Structure formats: structure tokens, C-alpha cells
Amino acid sequence: SALQEIGWVKENQVSCPSLEYYYLGYYIHSCNKMRYK
């Protein structure tokens, strides 16, 4: 789903140039479960 959401941003940037980024929430280096981001 993360790959699809990144692809969605790329696709819709064509119609909305300001739409550039994909925010994944919080990155928590001290928590192994959240390092995947």
C-alpha cells in the first residue's frame, strides 16, 4: 500500500503540481517496529 500511495502522489502531481510529498507519519528510531519507514 505504501508503494501504491507513492504512485498515487506521482500520478496526481500531474493535475496538482504542488502535490509532491508522501508523509509516512512518525519515524521512531528507538522503536524497531517503526524503523521500516
Full PDB file with SEQRES, HELIX, SHEET, SSBOND, CRYST1, ORIGX, SCALE, CONECT and MASTER records, all heavy atoms in Angstrom:
SEQRES   1 A   37  SER ALA LEU GLN GLU ILE GLY TRP VAL LYS GLU ASN GLN          
SEQRES   2 A   37  VAL SER CYS PRO SER LEU GLU TYR TYR TYR LEU GLY TYR          
SEQRES   3 A   37  TYR ILE HIS SER CYS ASN LYS MET ARG TYR LYS                  
HELIX    1 AA1 ALA A    2  ASN A   12  1                                  11    
HELIX    2 AA2 ASN A   32  MET A   34  5                                   3    
CRYST1    1.000    1.000    1.000  90.00  90.00  90.00 P 1           1          
ORIGX1      1.000000  0.000000  0.000000        0.00000                         
ORIGX2      0.000000  1.000000  0.000000        0.00000                         
ORIGX3      0.000000  0.000000  1.000000        0.00000                         
SCALE1      1.000000  0.000000  0.000000        0.00000                         
SCALE2      0.000000  1.000000  0.000000        0.00000                         
SCALE3      0.000000  0.000000  1.000000        0.00000                         
ATOM      1  N   SER A   1       0.827  -1.208   0.000  1.00  0.00           N  
ATOM      2  CA  SER A   1       0.000   0.000   0.000  1.00  0.00           C  
ATOM      3  C   SER A   1       0.859   1.255   0.000  1.00  0.00           C  
ATOM      4  O   SER A   1       0.483   2.260  -0.613  1.00  0.00           O  
ATOM      5  CB  SER A   1      -0.932   0.006   1.212  1.00  0.00           C  
ATOM      6  OG  SER A   1      -0.200   0.179   2.421  1.00  0.00           O  
ATOM      7  N   ALA A   2       2.005   1.209   0.684  1.00  0.00           N  
ATOM      8  CA  ALA A   2       2.894   2.374   0.676  1.00  0.00           C  
ATOM      9  C   ALA A   2       3.385   2.652  -0.741  1.00  0.00           C  
ATOM     10  O   ALA A   2       3.451   3.810  -1.178  1.00  0.00           O  
ATOM     11  CB  ALA A   2       4.072   2.148   1.617  1.00  0.00           C  
ATOM     12  N   LEU A   3       3.710   1.591  -1.476  1.00  0.00           N  
ATOM     13  CA  LEU A   3       4.144   1.769  -2.866  1.00  0.00           C  
ATOM     14  C   LEU A   3       3.013   2.355  -3.710  1.00  0.00           C  
ATOM     15  O   LEU A   3       3.249   3.208  -4.575  1.00  0.00           O  
ATOM     16  CB  LEU A   3       4.597   0.427  -3.438  1.00  0.00           C  
ATOM     17  CG  LEU A   3       5.768  -0.265  -2.720  1.00  0.00           C  
ATOM     18  CD1 LEU A   3       6.052  -1.616  -3.349  1.00  0.00           C  
ATOM     19  CD2 LEU A   3       7.008   0.612  -2.746  1.00  0.00           C  
ATOM     20  N   GLN A   4       1.793   1.899  -3.448  1.00  0.00           N  
ATOM     21  CA  GLN A   4       0.648   2.420  -4.196  1.00  0.00           C  
ATOM     22  C   GLN A   4       0.392   3.884  -3.861  1.00  0.00           C  
ATOM     23  O   GLN A   4       0.054   4.688  -4.739  1.00  0.00           O  
ATOM     24  CB  GLN A   4      -0.598   1.589  -3.890  1.00  0.00           C  
ATOM     25  CG  GLN A   4      -0.544   0.177  -4.449  1.00  0.00           C  
ATOM     26  CD  GLN A   4      -0.412   0.187  -5.967  1.00  0.00           C  
ATOM     27  OE1 GLN A   4       0.647  -0.094  -6.520  1.00  0.00           O  
ATOM     28  NE2 GLN A   4      -1.483   0.535  -6.657  1.00  0.00           N  
ATOM     29  N   GLU A   5       0.553   4.255  -2.604  1.00  0.00           N  
ATOM     30  CA  GLU A   5       0.323   5.640  -2.201  1.00  0.00           C  
ATOM     31  C   GLU A   5       1.378   6.574  -2.794  1.00  0.00           C  
ATOM     32  O   GLU A   5       1.075   7.706  -3.189  1.00  0.00           O  
ATOM     33  CB  GLU A   5       0.295   5.726  -0.677  1.00  0.00           C  
ATOM     34  CG  GLU A   5      -0.968   5.099  -0.088  1.00  0.00           C  
ATOM     35  CD  GLU A   5      -0.910   4.895   1.415  1.00  0.00           C  
ATOM     36  OE1 GLU A   5       0.141   5.208   2.021  1.00  0.00           O  
ATOM     37  OE2 GLU A   5      -1.900   4.416   1.989  1.00  0.00           O  
ATOM     38  N   ILE A   6       2.609   6.085  -2.861  1.00  0.00           N  
ATOM     39  CA  ILE A   6       3.658   6.875  -3.515  1.00  0.00           C  
ATOM     40  C   ILE A   6       3.317   7.060  -4.991  1.00  0.00           C  
ATOM     41  O   ILE A   6       3.448   8.151  -5.553  1.00  0.00           O  
ATOM     42  CB  ILE A   6       5.028   6.193  -3.351  1.00  0.00           C  
ATOM     43  CG1 ILE A   6       5.444   6.192  -1.879  1.00  0.00           C  
ATOM     44  CG2 ILE A   6       6.092   6.897  -4.193  1.00  0.00           C  
ATOM     45  CD1 ILE A   6       6.666   5.353  -1.580  1.00  0.00           C  
ATOM     46  N   GLY A   7       2.863   5.973  -5.616  1.00  0.00           N  
ATOM     47  CA  GLY A   7       2.464   6.054  -7.016  1.00  0.00           C  
ATOM     48  C   GLY A   7       1.290   6.992  -7.215  1.00  0.00           C  
ATOM     49  O   GLY A   7       1.207   7.692  -8.236  1.00  0.00           O  
ATOM     50  N   TRP A   8       0.366   7.029  -6.243  1.00  0.00           N  
ATOM     51  CA  TRP A   8      -0.780   7.923  -6.343  1.00  0.00           C  
ATOM     52  C   TRP A   8      -0.320   9.378  -6.355  1.00  0.00           C  
ATOM     53  O   TRP A   8      -0.844  10.197  -7.114  1.00  0.00           O  
ATOM     54  CB  TRP A   8      -1.731   7.676  -5.170  1.00  0.00           C  
ATOM     55  CG  TRP A   8      -3.030   8.424  -5.271  1.00  0.00           C  
ATOM     56  CD1 TRP A   8      -4.204   7.964  -5.793  1.00  0.00           C  
ATOM     57  CD2 TRP A   8      -3.276   9.777  -4.854  1.00  0.00           C  
ATOM     58  NE1 TRP A   8      -5.172   8.947  -5.723  1.00  0.00           N  
ATOM     59  CE2 TRP A   8      -4.634  10.078  -5.151  1.00  0.00           C  
ATOM     60  CE3 TRP A   8      -2.497  10.758  -4.269  1.00  0.00           C  
ATOM     61  CZ2 TRP A   8      -5.212  11.304  -4.884  1.00  0.00           C  
ATOM     62  CZ3 TRP A   8      -3.066  12.002  -3.994  1.00  0.00           C  
ATOM     63  CH2 TRP A   8      -4.411  12.262  -4.297  1.00  0.00           C  
ATOM     64  N   VAL A   9       0.653   9.707  -5.508  1.00  0.00           N  
ATOM     65  CA  VAL A   9       1.169  11.078  -5.476  1.00  0.00           C  
ATOM     66  C   VAL A   9       1.782  11.435  -6.828  1.00  0.00           C  
ATOM     67  O   VAL A   9       1.521  12.520  -7.377  1.00  0.00           O  
ATOM     68  CB  VAL A   9       2.205  11.249  -4.347  1.00  0.00           C  
ATOM     69  CG1 VAL A   9       2.830  12.639  -4.410  1.00  0.00           C  
ATOM     70  CG2 VAL A   9       1.553  11.035  -2.986  1.00  0.00           C  
ATOM     71  N   LYS A  10       2.583  10.541  -7.387  1.00  0.00           N  
ATOM     72  CA  LYS A  10       3.196  10.801  -8.690  1.00  0.00           C  
ATOM     73  C   LYS A  10       2.132  11.044  -9.756  1.00  0.00           C  
ATOM     74  O   LYS A  10       2.237  11.968 -10.566  1.00  0.00           O  
ATOM     75  CB  LYS A  10       4.074   9.616  -9.097  1.00  0.00           C  
ATOM     76  CG  LYS A  10       5.361   9.461  -8.313  1.00  0.00           C  
ATOM     77  CD  LYS A  10       6.158   8.291  -8.872  1.00  0.00           C  
ATOM     78  CE  LYS A  10       7.477   8.113  -8.150  1.00  0.00           C  
ATOM     79  NZ  LYS A  10       8.252   6.975  -8.688  1.00  0.00           N  
ATOM     80  N   GLU A  11       1.113  10.206  -9.744  1.00  0.00           N  
ATOM     81  CA  GLU A  11       0.071  10.304 -10.769  1.00  0.00           C  
ATOM     82  C   GLU A  11      -0.704  11.612 -10.657  1.00  0.00           C  
ATOM     83  O   GLU A  11      -1.010  12.267 -11.657  1.00  0.00           O  
ATOM     84  CB  GLU A  11      -0.875   9.112 -10.638  1.00  0.00           C  
ATOM     85  CG  GLU A  11      -2.020   9.115 -11.629  1.00  0.00           C  
ATOM     86  CD  GLU A  11      -2.955   7.938 -11.438  1.00  0.00           C  
ATOM     87  OE1 GLU A  11      -2.567   6.984 -10.717  1.00  0.00           O  
ATOM     88  OE2 GLU A  11      -4.067   7.970 -11.988  1.00  0.00           O  
ATOM     89  N   ASN A  12      -1.041  12.010  -9.440  1.00  0.00           N  
ATOM     90  CA  ASN A  12      -1.873  13.194  -9.247  1.00  0.00           C  
ATOM     91  C   ASN A  12      -1.091  14.493  -9.236  1.00  0.00           C  
ATOM     92  O   ASN A  12      -1.694  15.575  -9.271  1.00  0.00           O  
ATOM     93  CB  ASN A  12      -2.682  13.050  -7.959  1.00  0.00           C  
ATOM     94  CG  ASN A  12      -3.845  12.100  -8.109  1.00  0.00           C  
ATOM     95  OD1 ASN A  12      -4.950  12.494  -8.464  1.00  0.00           O  
ATOM     96  ND2 ASN A  12      -3.589  10.824  -7.850  1.00  0.00           N  
ATOM     97  N   GLN A  13       0.227  14.393  -9.202  1.00  0.00           N  
ATOM     98  CA  GLN A  13       1.031  15.608  -9.292  1.00  0.00           C  
ATOM     99  C   GLN A  13       0.880  16.255 -10.667  1.00  0.00           C  
ATOM    100  O   GLN A  13       1.088  17.457 -10.824  1.00  0.00           O  
ATOM    101  CB  GLN A  13       2.499  15.300  -9.002  1.00  0.00           C  
ATOM    102  CG  GLN A  13       3.354  16.542  -8.845  1.00  0.00           C  
ATOM    103  CD  GLN A  13       4.794  16.224  -8.502  1.00  0.00           C  
ATOM    104  OE1 GLN A  13       5.195  15.063  -8.419  1.00  0.00           O  
ATOM    105  NE2 GLN A  13       5.613  17.257  -8.326  1.00  0.00           N  
ATOM    106  N   VAL A  14       0.482  15.457 -11.643  1.00  0.00           N  
ATOM    107  CA  VAL A  14       0.271  15.986 -12.991  1.00  0.00           C  
ATOM    108  C   VAL A  14      -0.851  17.025 -12.985  1.00  0.00           C  
ATOM    109  O   VAL A  14      -0.748  18.075 -13.628  1.00  0.00           O  
ATOM    110  CB  VAL A  14      -0.057  14.836 -13.966  1.00  0.00           C  
ATOM    111  CG1 VAL A  14      -0.374  15.389 -15.343  1.00  0.00           C  
ATOM    112  CG2 VAL A  14       1.090  13.848 -14.035  1.00  0.00           C  
ATOM    113  N   SER A  15      -1.929  16.726 -12.228  1.00  0.00           N  
ATOM    114  CA  SER A  15      -3.064  17.651 -12.177  1.00  0.00           C  
ATOM    115  C   SER A  15      -2.954  18.655 -11.041  1.00  0.00           C  
ATOM    116  O   SER A  15      -3.680  19.653 -11.025  1.00  0.00           O  
ATOM    117  CB  SER A  15      -4.375  16.860 -12.027  1.00  0.00           C  
ATOM    118  OG  SER A  15      -4.342  16.054 -10.859  1.00  0.00           O  
ATOM    119  N   CYS A  16      -2.037  18.390 -10.096  1.00  0.00           N  
ATOM    120  CA  CYS A  16      -1.848  19.302  -8.959  1.00  0.00           C  
ATOM    121  C   CYS A  16      -0.344  19.372  -8.657  1.00  0.00           C  
ATOM    122  O   CYS A  16       0.156  18.622  -7.823  1.00  0.00           O  
ATOM    123  CB  CYS A  16      -2.635  18.815  -7.745  1.00  0.00           C  
ATOM    124  SG  CYS A  16      -2.481  19.873  -6.287  1.00  0.00           S  
ATOM    125  N   PRO A  17       0.394  20.248  -9.320  1.00  0.00           N  
ATOM    126  CA  PRO A  17       1.860  20.303  -9.189  1.00  0.00           C  
ATOM    127  C   PRO A  17       2.371  20.483  -7.762  1.00  0.00           C  
ATOM    128  O   PRO A  17       3.482  20.059  -7.445  1.00  0.00           O  
ATOM    129  CB  PRO A  17       2.243  21.500 -10.069  1.00  0.00           C  
ATOM    130  CG  PRO A  17       1.132  21.619 -11.058  1.00  0.00           C  
ATOM    131  CD  PRO A  17      -0.107  21.223 -10.312  1.00  0.00           C  
ATOM    132  N   SER A  18       1.575  21.092  -6.887  1.00  0.00           N  
ATOM    133  CA  SER A  18       2.044  21.307  -5.516  1.00  0.00           C  
ATOM    134  C   SER A  18       2.067  20.011  -4.708  1.00  0.00           C  
ATOM    135  O   SER A  18       2.713  19.929  -3.658  1.00  0.00           O  
ATOM    136  CB  SER A  18       1.140  22.316  -4.801  1.00  0.00           C  
ATOM    137  OG  SER A  18      -0.173  21.803  -4.624  1.00  0.00           O  
ATOM    138  N   LEU A  19       1.371  18.995  -5.213  1.00  0.00           N  
ATOM    139  CA  LEU A  19       1.284  17.711  -4.509  1.00  0.00           C  
ATOM    140  C   LEU A  19       2.544  16.898  -4.814  1.00  0.00           C  
ATOM    141  O   LEU A  19       2.610  16.158  -5.786  1.00  0.00           O  
ATOM    142  CB  LEU A  19       0.036  16.966  -4.966  1.00  0.00           C  
ATOM    143  CG  LEU A  19      -0.389  15.723  -4.194  1.00  0.00           C  
ATOM    144  CD1 LEU A  19      -0.734  16.054  -2.763  1.00  0.00           C  
ATOM    145  CD2 LEU A  19      -1.593  15.080  -4.878  1.00  0.00           C  
ATOM    146  N   GLU A  20       3.554  17.019  -3.955  1.00  0.00           N  
ATOM    147  CA  GLU A  20       4.862  16.433  -4.234  1.00  0.00           C  
ATOM    148  C   GLU A  20       5.280  15.329  -3.273  1.00  0.00           C  
ATOM    149  O   GLU A  20       6.054  14.444  -3.645  1.00  0.00           O  
ATOM    150  CB  GLU A  20       5.956  17.510  -4.170  1.00  0.00           C  
ATOM    151  CG  GLU A  20       5.873  18.598  -5.209  1.00  0.00           C  
ATOM    152  CD  GLU A  20       7.056  19.534  -5.086  1.00  0.00           C  
ATOM    153  OE1 GLU A  20       8.115  19.241  -5.689  1.00  0.00           O  
ATOM    154  OE2 GLU A  20       6.946  20.554  -4.375  1.00  0.00           O  
ATOM    155  N   TYR A  21       4.787  15.349  -2.039  1.00  0.00           N  
ATOM    156  CA  TYR A  21       5.386  14.529  -0.990  1.00  0.00           C  
ATOM    157  C   TYR A  21       4.448  13.440  -0.471  1.00  0.00           C  
ATOM    158  O   TYR A  21       3.222  13.547  -0.542  1.00  0.00           O  
ATOM    159  CB  TYR A  21       5.824  15.413   0.178  1.00  0.00           C  
ATOM    160  CG  TYR A  21       6.971  16.329  -0.171  1.00  0.00           C  
ATOM    161  CD1 TYR A  21       6.724  17.646  -0.556  1.00  0.00           C  
ATOM    162  CD2 TYR A  21       8.290  15.891  -0.130  1.00  0.00           C  
ATOM    163  CE1 TYR A  21       7.769  18.500  -0.888  1.00  0.00           C  
ATOM    164  CE2 TYR A  21       9.339  16.729  -0.454  1.00  0.00           C  
ATOM    165  CZ  TYR A  21       9.070  18.033  -0.834  1.00  0.00           C  
ATOM    166  OH  TYR A  21      10.108  18.871  -1.166  1.00  0.00           O  
ATOM    167  N   TYR A  22       5.089  12.429   0.094  1.00  0.00           N  
ATOM    168  CA  TYR A  22       4.402  11.333   0.777  1.00  0.00           C  
ATOM    169  C   TYR A  22       4.866  11.341   2.223  1.00  0.00           C  
ATOM    170  O   TYR A  22       6.044  11.132   2.504  1.00  0.00           O  
ATOM    171  CB  TYR A  22       4.736  10.005   0.093  1.00  0.00           C  
ATOM    172  CG  TYR A  22       4.152   8.783   0.780  1.00  0.00           C  
ATOM    173  CD1 TYR A  22       2.779   8.683   1.002  1.00  0.00           C  
ATOM    174  CD2 TYR A  22       4.964   7.730   1.185  1.00  0.00           C  
ATOM    175  CE1 TYR A  22       2.242   7.574   1.612  1.00  0.00           C  
ATOM    176  CE2 TYR A  22       4.436   6.602   1.795  1.00  0.00           C  
ATOM    177  CZ  TYR A  22       3.070   6.537   2.017  1.00  0.00           C  
ATOM    178  OH  TYR A  22       2.536   5.426   2.625  1.00  0.00           O  
ATOM    179  N   TYR A  23       3.940  11.622   3.153  1.00  0.00           N  
ATOM    180  CA  TYR A  23       4.261  11.667   4.578  1.00  0.00           C  
ATOM    181  C   TYR A  23       3.884  10.328   5.206  1.00  0.00           C  
ATOM    182  O   TYR A  23       2.741   9.883   5.091  1.00  0.00           O  
ATOM    183  CB  TYR A  23       3.498  12.801   5.272  1.00  0.00           C  
ATOM    184  CG  TYR A  23       4.078  14.188   5.058  1.00  0.00           C  
ATOM    185  CD1 TYR A  23       4.334  14.671   3.777  1.00  0.00           C  
ATOM    186  CD2 TYR A  23       4.349  15.024   6.132  1.00  0.00           C  
ATOM    187  CE1 TYR A  23       4.853  15.954   3.573  1.00  0.00           C  
ATOM    188  CE2 TYR A  23       4.855  16.312   5.943  1.00  0.00           C  
ATOM    189  CZ  TYR A  23       5.095  16.761   4.663  1.00  0.00           C  
ATOM    190  OH  TYR A  23       5.607  18.035   4.458  1.00  0.00           O  
ATOM    191  N   LEU A  24       4.848   9.715   5.881  1.00  0.00           N  
ATOM    192  CA  LEU A  24       4.637   8.388   6.465  1.00  0.00           C  
ATOM    193  C   LEU A  24       4.315   8.448   7.951  1.00  0.00           C  
ATOM    194  O   LEU A  24       4.305   7.424   8.629  1.00  0.00           O  
ATOM    195  CB  LEU A  24       5.869   7.510   6.258  1.00  0.00           C  
ATOM    196  CG  LEU A  24       6.246   7.117   4.837  1.00  0.00           C  
ATOM    197  CD1 LEU A  24       7.124   8.177   4.195  1.00  0.00           C  
ATOM    198  CD2 LEU A  24       6.976   5.774   4.816  1.00  0.00           C  
ATOM    199  N   GLY A  25       4.074   9.632   8.482  1.00  0.00           N  
ATOM    200  CA  GLY A  25       3.770   9.733   9.904  1.00  0.00           C  
ATOM    201  C   GLY A  25       5.033  10.010  10.699  1.00  0.00           C  
ATOM    202  O   GLY A  25       5.877  10.822  10.312  1.00  0.00           O  
ATOM    203  N   TYR A  26       5.193   9.310  11.821  1.00  0.00           N  
ATOM    204  CA  TYR A  26       6.356   9.496  12.677  1.00  0.00           C  
ATOM    205  C   TYR A  26       7.367   8.382  12.449  1.00  0.00           C  
ATOM    206  O   TYR A  26       7.009   7.201  12.369  1.00  0.00           O  
ATOM    207  CB  TYR A  26       5.951   9.499  14.149  1.00  0.00           C  
ATOM    208  CG  TYR A  26       5.286  10.773  14.614  1.00  0.00           C  
ATOM    209  CD1 TYR A  26       4.184  10.728  15.461  1.00  0.00           C  
ATOM    210  CD2 TYR A  26       5.749  12.020  14.212  1.00  0.00           C  
ATOM    211  CE1 TYR A  26       3.564  11.890  15.900  1.00  0.00           C  
ATOM    212  CE2 TYR A  26       5.137  13.192  14.639  1.00  0.00           C  
ATOM    213  CZ  TYR A  26       4.043  13.116  15.484  1.00  0.00           C  
ATOM    214  OH  TYR A  26       3.436  14.267  15.909  1.00  0.00           O  
ATOM    215  N   TYR A  27       8.624   8.788  12.380  1.00  0.00           N  
ATOM    216  CA  TYR A  27       9.725   7.830  12.376  1.00  0.00           C  
ATOM    217  C   TYR A  27      10.297   7.806  13.790  1.00  0.00           C  
ATOM    218  O   TYR A  27      10.665   8.849  14.342  1.00  0.00           O  
ATOM    219  CB  TYR A  27      10.809   8.232  11.379  1.00  0.00           C  
ATOM    220  CG  TYR A  27      12.054   7.368  11.483  1.00  0.00           C  
ATOM    221  CD1 TYR A  27      12.086   6.113  10.901  1.00  0.00           C  
ATOM    222  CD2 TYR A  27      13.172   7.803  12.189  1.00  0.00           C  
ATOM    223  CE1 TYR A  27      13.206   5.305  11.000  1.00  0.00           C  
ATOM    224  CE2 TYR A  27      14.302   7.008  12.287  1.00  0.00           C  
ATOM    225  CZ  TYR A  27      14.314   5.759  11.701  1.00  0.00           C  
ATOM    226  OH  TYR A  27      15.425   4.969  11.818  1.00  0.00           O  
ATOM    227  N   ILE A  28      10.351   6.612  14.380  1.00  0.00           N  
ATOM    228  CA  ILE A  28      10.833   6.480  15.759  1.00  0.00           C  
ATOM    229  C   ILE A  28      12.035   5.540  15.749  1.00  0.00           C  
ATOM    230  O   ILE A  28      11.893   4.316  15.671  1.00  0.00           O  
ATOM    231  CB  ILE A  28       9.725   5.951  16.678  1.00  0.00           C  
ATOM    232  CG1 ILE A  28       8.502   6.869  16.580  1.00  0.00           C  
ATOM    233  CG2 ILE A  28      10.211   5.874  18.127  1.00  0.00           C  
ATOM    234  CD1 ILE A  28       7.304   6.393  17.356  1.00  0.00           C  
ATOM    235  N   HIS A  29      13.219   6.115  15.810  1.00  0.00           N  
ATOM    236  CA  HIS A  29      14.445   5.339  15.684  1.00  0.00           C  
ATOM    237  C   HIS A  29      14.619   4.385  16.861  1.00  0.00           C  
ATOM    238  O   HIS A  29      15.226   3.324  16.712  1.00  0.00           O  
ATOM    239  CB  HIS A  29      15.644   6.284  15.597  1.00  0.00           C  
ATOM    240  CG  HIS A  29      16.884   5.634  15.072  1.00  0.00           C  
ATOM    241  ND1 HIS A  29      16.993   5.194  13.765  1.00  0.00           N  
ATOM    242  CD2 HIS A  29      18.078   5.336  15.665  1.00  0.00           C  
ATOM    243  CE1 HIS A  29      18.188   4.665  13.571  1.00  0.00           C  
ATOM    244  NE2 HIS A  29      18.862   4.732  14.716  1.00  0.00           N  
ATOM    245  N   SER A  30      14.095   4.753  18.021  1.00  0.00           N  
ATOM    246  CA  SER A  30      14.243   3.919  19.207  1.00  0.00           C  
ATOM    247  C   SER A  30      13.241   2.773  19.242  1.00  0.00           C  
ATOM    248  O   SER A  30      13.291   1.932  20.143  1.00  0.00           O  
ATOM    249  CB  SER A  30      14.088   4.764  20.475  1.00  0.00           C  
ATOM    250  OG  SER A  30      12.838   5.435  20.483  1.00  0.00           O  
ATOM    251  N   CYS A  31      12.328   2.713  18.272  1.00  0.00           N  
ATOM    252  CA  CYS A  31      11.314   1.655  18.204  1.00  0.00           C  
ATOM    253  C   CYS A  31      11.524   0.859  16.916  1.00  0.00           C  
ATOM    254  O   CYS A  31      11.311   1.370  15.814  1.00  0.00           O  
ATOM    255  CB  CYS A  31       9.911   2.260  18.237  1.00  0.00           C  
ATOM    256  SG  CYS A  31       8.570   1.048  18.114  1.00  0.00           S  
ATOM    257  N   ASN A  32      11.936  -0.386  17.052  1.00  0.00           N  
ATOM    258  CA  ASN A  32      12.262  -1.196  15.871  1.00  0.00           C  
ATOM    259  C   ASN A  32      11.075  -1.342  14.919  1.00  0.00           C  
ATOM    260  O   ASN A  32      11.249  -1.389  13.696  1.00  0.00           O  
ATOM    261  CB  ASN A  32      12.733  -2.588  16.309  1.00  0.00           C  
ATOM    262  CG  ASN A  32      14.135  -2.558  16.880  1.00  0.00           C  
ATOM    263  OD1 ASN A  32      14.924  -1.669  16.559  1.00  0.00           O  
ATOM    264  ND2 ASN A  32      14.445  -3.511  17.746  1.00  0.00           N  
ATOM    265  N   LYS A  33       9.863  -1.395  15.468  1.00  0.00           N  
ATOM    266  CA  LYS A  33       8.693  -1.597  14.623  1.00  0.00           C  
ATOM    267  C   LYS A  33       8.421  -0.406  13.711  1.00  0.00           C  
ATOM    268  O   LYS A  33       7.699  -0.528  12.733  1.00  0.00           O  
ATOM    269  CB  LYS A  33       7.465  -1.878  15.484  1.00  0.00           C  
ATOM    270  CG  LYS A  33       7.478  -3.231  16.165  1.00  0.00           C  
ATOM    271  CD  LYS A  33       6.178  -3.480  16.903  1.00  0.00           C  
ATOM    272  CE  LYS A  33       6.164  -4.852  17.538  1.00  0.00           C  
ATOM    273  NZ  LYS A  33       4.893  -5.134  18.238  1.00  0.00           N  
ATOM    274  N   MET A  34       8.955   0.757  14.055  1.00  0.00           N  
ATOM    275  CA  MET A  34       8.685   1.959  13.267  1.00  0.00           C  
ATOM    276  C   MET A  34       9.841   2.337  12.352  1.00  0.00           C  
ATOM    277  O   MET A  34       9.763   3.326  11.631  1.00  0.00           O  
ATOM    278  CB  MET A  34       8.365   3.126  14.206  1.00  0.00           C  
ATOM    279  CG  MET A  34       7.201   2.868  15.150  1.00  0.00           C  
ATOM    280  SD  MET A  34       5.661   2.504  14.286  1.00  0.00           S  
ATOM    281  CE  MET A  34       5.224   4.118  13.688  1.00  0.00           C  
ATOM    282  N   ARG A  35      10.913   1.555  12.368  1.00  0.00           N  
ATOM    283  CA  ARG A  35      12.071   1.897  11.535  1.00  0.00           C  
ATOM    284  C   ARG A  35      11.859   1.569  10.060  1.00  0.00           C  
ATOM    285  O   ARG A  35      12.619   2.028   9.206  1.00  0.00           O  
ATOM    286  CB  ARG A  35      13.319   1.156  12.036  1.00  0.00           C  
ATOM    287  CG  ARG A  35      13.878   1.701  13.337  1.00  0.00           C  
ATOM    288  CD  ARG A  35      15.247   1.104  13.594  1.00  0.00           C  
ATOM    289  NE  ARG A  35      15.864   1.630  14.810  1.00  0.00           N  
ATOM    290  CZ  ARG A  35      17.121   1.404  15.158  1.00  0.00           C  
ATOM    291  NH1 ARG A  35      17.893   0.668  14.380  1.00  0.00           N  
ATOM    292  NH2 ARG A  35      17.601   1.902  16.275  1.00  0.00           N  
ATOM    293  N   TYR A  36      10.856   0.751   9.774  1.00  0.00           N  
ATOM    294  CA  TYR A  36      10.637   0.346   8.384  1.00  0.00           C  
ATOM    295  C   TYR A  36      10.411   1.541   7.460  1.00  0.00           C  
ATOM    296  O   TYR A  36      10.640   1.462   6.258  1.00  0.00           O  
ATOM    297  CB  TYR A  36       9.423  -0.593   8.295  1.00  0.00           C  
ATOM    298  CG  TYR A  36       8.098   0.103   8.484  1.00  0.00           C  
ATOM    299  CD1 TYR A  36       7.431   0.676   7.403  1.00  0.00           C  
ATOM    300  CD2 TYR A  36       7.524   0.218   9.743  1.00  0.00           C  
ATOM    301  CE1 TYR A  36       6.228   1.332   7.572  1.00  0.00           C  
ATOM    302  CE2 TYR A  36       6.321   0.873   9.919  1.00  0.00           C  
ATOM    303  CZ  TYR A  36       5.679   1.420   8.835  1.00  0.00           C  
ATOM    304  OH  TYR A  36       4.492   2.077   9.011  1.00  0.00           O  
ATOM    305  N   LYS A  37       9.952   2.666   8.024  1.00  0.00           N  
ATOM    306  CA  LYS A  37       9.592   3.804   7.187  1.00  0.00           C  
ATOM    307  C   LYS A  37      10.785   4.375   6.438  1.00  0.00           C  
ATOM    308  O   LYS A  37      10.633   4.940   5.354  1.00  0.00           O  
ATOM    309  CB  LYS A  37       8.935   4.885   8.047  1.00  0.00           C  
ATOM    310  CG  LYS A  37       7.638   4.420   8.700  1.00  0.00           C  
ATOM    311  CD  LYS A  37       6.993   5.503   9.531  1.00  0.00           C  
ATOM    312  CE  LYS A  37       5.716   4.981  10.188  1.00  0.00           C  
ATOM    313  NZ  LYS A  37       5.019   6.024  10.965  1.00  0.00           N  
TER     314      LYS A  37                                                      
MASTER        0    0    0    2    0    0    0    6  313    1    0    3          
END                                                                             
